[in-house]
Amino acid sequence: MANEIVPPDGSEGQGSRPPKSMRLAGTLATEYLMALDQRASGVVRHVPTGLASMDRQLPAALHEGHLVILAGRPAMGKTALAQQTAESIATTSRSVLFFSLEMSGYEVTERAVSRRSGIPVPQLKMGELDSQAWPRLIRAAVLRPAKNYLLVYSYQSYTLSFVESVN
């Protein structure tokens, strides 16, 4: 077959294919042009972040299957931005894997419930809730479509090789 590359181990003729990372440039170019045609036709689009101003500033920044790493100085809002973006994407029935290197799953959930319910985190931590707060909390914690598409990994000792291994 024209697109096949003979493996260096001499297994030619055994129907073996090259690994995905080793592809003929012509094949890649053809696949790229097909994808570009779909984008131009409006069939395939980038994944919106859920933040209109960010989508305008970084058009087509997120694509399905890509690993996105958000870095910055402490207390700059990295986790809040990443979490809000992940939840927004998950509400579109796309699967999202969210790694938290600093917070437990409990803390990630507490922040999400706070943001969606409008009840500040300190008030949740103190348990200062009136009867009007409970319906908002239940809607924020339970009745969200994102809950089935968002997977949260929370552990403080990740290595890059561990993140790469999660599939």
Foldseek 3Di string as FASTA:
>chain_A
DVFADQDPVRPPPVPDGDPPVDTDPVVVVVVVVVVVVCVVVVNDAAQDQQDVVVCVVQPSVHHPPDDDDDDDDPPPCRLVSQLSSLLVSLLVVAADEAEDQDDDPVVSLLVQLCVQLVPDSVCVVVVVDDPVSVVSSCCRRPVGSSPVRYHYDYDNDDDPVNVVPDD
